[in-house]
Each structure stands twice: as C-alpha cells, then as structure tokens.
Amino acid sequence: MKKLIIVVATVGLLGIAGMQIASANSGYWQTGNYGYCGQAYEADDTKNNTIAEKFNAETQDIRRGLTVKGSELRALLNNDNADAKR
C-alpha cells in the first residue's frame, strides 16, 4: 500500500511538471504566434517601423564604417604575410 501511494504521488508530480514544461513554450505551437502561455502576441508594426527607419537613417554612416573596418580586419587576418606589429 505504501509503495502504491509513492508511485501514484510520483506519477502525479511528473504529470504536473510535464504540463508546466509544455505550457512554457511561449504558446507558439498553439497559436502560430509567439506569446506567453498560448496568448498570441501582435506587435504594432507601423510605430516600430518608423522608429527603426529613423534609427537606420541616423546610423547608416556608422554602420558602413564598421563594415569597412571589419572587412579590412578580415583581409589582414587572412593575409599570408601578416605584419606581426599590427
């Protein structure tokens, strides 16, 4: 009898833990959208797009400079006769 109670309690706890893990997957498999525990998430794309476009326009020169410097660094690292002092 004691073993039966322990087995039933263990199976019950594992079942509850499994349900918690299954519900913690952001609801993607239930709704098709990311959300919390099955609640769909809908973003306001119009507001976010204008802010993102403004940010991209303001930082375009910085991002280009970083891309150029990254390319120069890769070229220096891939060079067979690399300068040890650099």
Protein backbone atom coordinates (compact mmCIF):
# COMPACT_ATOMS: atom_id res chain seq x y z
CA MET A 1 0.00 0.00 0.00
CA LYS A 2 2.83 2.36 0.88
CA LYS A 3 4.54 1.67 -2.46
CA LEU A 4 1.30 2.34 -4.34
CA ILE A 5 0.91 5.75 -2.69
CA ILE A 6 4.52 6.63 -3.53
CA VAL A 7 4.06 5.54 -7.16
CA VAL A 8 0.80 7.47 -7.56
CA ALA A 9 2.33 10.60 -5.99
CA THR A 10 5.42 10.34 -8.20
CA VAL A 11 3.36 9.89 -11.38
CA GLY A 12 1.14 12.82 -10.36
CA LEU A 13 4.09 15.11 -9.72
CA LEU A 14 5.72 14.13 -13.00
CA GLY A 15 2.44 14.81 -14.80
CA ILE A 16 2.10 18.25 -13.24
CA ALA A 17 5.75 19.05 -14.02
CA GLY A 18 5.22 17.90 -17.63
CA MET A 19 2.20 20.15 -18.03
CA GLN A 20 4.20 23.12 -16.72
CA ILE A 21 7.01 22.45 -19.16
CA ALA A 22 4.56 22.04 -22.05
CA SER A 23 2.81 25.33 -21.26
CA ALA A 24 6.12 27.23 -21.01
CA ASN A 25 6.87 27.03 -24.74
CA SER A 26 5.57 30.56 -25.38
CA GLY A 27 2.39 29.24 -26.95
CA TYR A 28 3.95 29.02 -30.42
CA TRP A 29 2.64 25.55 -31.17
CA GLN A 30 -0.88 26.53 -30.13
CA THR A 31 -1.38 29.88 -31.84
CA GLY A 32 1.28 30.19 -34.51
CA ASN A 33 2.46 33.48 -32.94
CA TYR A 34 4.89 33.95 -30.11
CA GLY A 35 3.24 34.82 -26.84
CA TYR A 36 3.10 33.87 -23.20
CA CYS A 37 1.37 30.56 -22.39
CA GLY A 38 -0.72 30.47 -25.54
CA GLN A 39 -1.59 34.15 -25.69
CA ALA A 40 -0.84 35.46 -29.16
CA TYR A 41 1.45 38.48 -29.48
CA GLU A 42 0.60 41.12 -32.05
CA ALA A 43 3.08 43.98 -32.47
CA ASP A 44 2.25 47.49 -33.67
CA ASP A 45 4.42 47.38 -36.78
CA THR A 46 3.59 50.87 -38.04
CA LYS A 47 5.00 52.64 -34.99
CA ASN A 48 8.04 50.37 -34.76
CA ASN A 49 8.84 50.65 -38.47
CA THR A 50 9.02 54.44 -38.44
CA ILE A 51 11.29 54.41 -35.39
CA ALA A 52 13.51 51.74 -36.94
CA GLU A 53 13.72 53.62 -40.25
CA LYS A 54 14.72 56.82 -38.43
CA PHE A 55 17.39 54.93 -36.44
CA ASN A 56 18.73 53.26 -39.60
CA ALA A 57 18.97 56.58 -41.42
CA GLU A 58 20.80 58.22 -38.50
CA THR A 59 23.32 55.40 -38.05
CA GLN A 60 23.93 54.45 -41.68
CA ASP A 61 27.39 56.09 -41.84
CA ILE A 62 28.47 54.44 -38.59
CA ARG A 63 27.34 51.01 -39.78
CA ARG A 64 29.10 51.46 -43.12
CA GLY A 65 32.32 52.44 -41.33
CA LEU A 66 32.08 49.38 -39.09
CA THR A 67 31.53 47.15 -42.12
CA VAL A 68 34.58 48.61 -43.87
CA LYS A 69 36.76 48.23 -40.77
CA GLY A 70 35.56 44.66 -40.30
CA SER A 71 36.40 43.84 -43.91
CA GLU A 72 39.86 45.38 -43.54
CA LEU A 73 40.47 43.36 -40.37
CA ARG A 74 39.39 40.12 -42.08
CA ALA A 75 41.68 40.91 -45.00
CA LEU A 76 44.61 41.49 -42.62
CA LEU A 77 43.89 38.28 -40.70
CA ASN A 78 43.58 36.21 -43.88
CA ASN A 79 46.81 37.61 -45.32
CA ASP A 80 49.62 35.02 -45.54
CA ASN A 81 52.29 37.64 -44.84
CA ALA A 82 50.62 39.25 -41.85
CA ASP A 83 52.51 42.05 -40.11
CA ALA A 84 53.17 40.93 -36.52
CA LYS A 85 53.39 44.52 -35.30
CA ARG A 86 49.84 45.31 -36.39
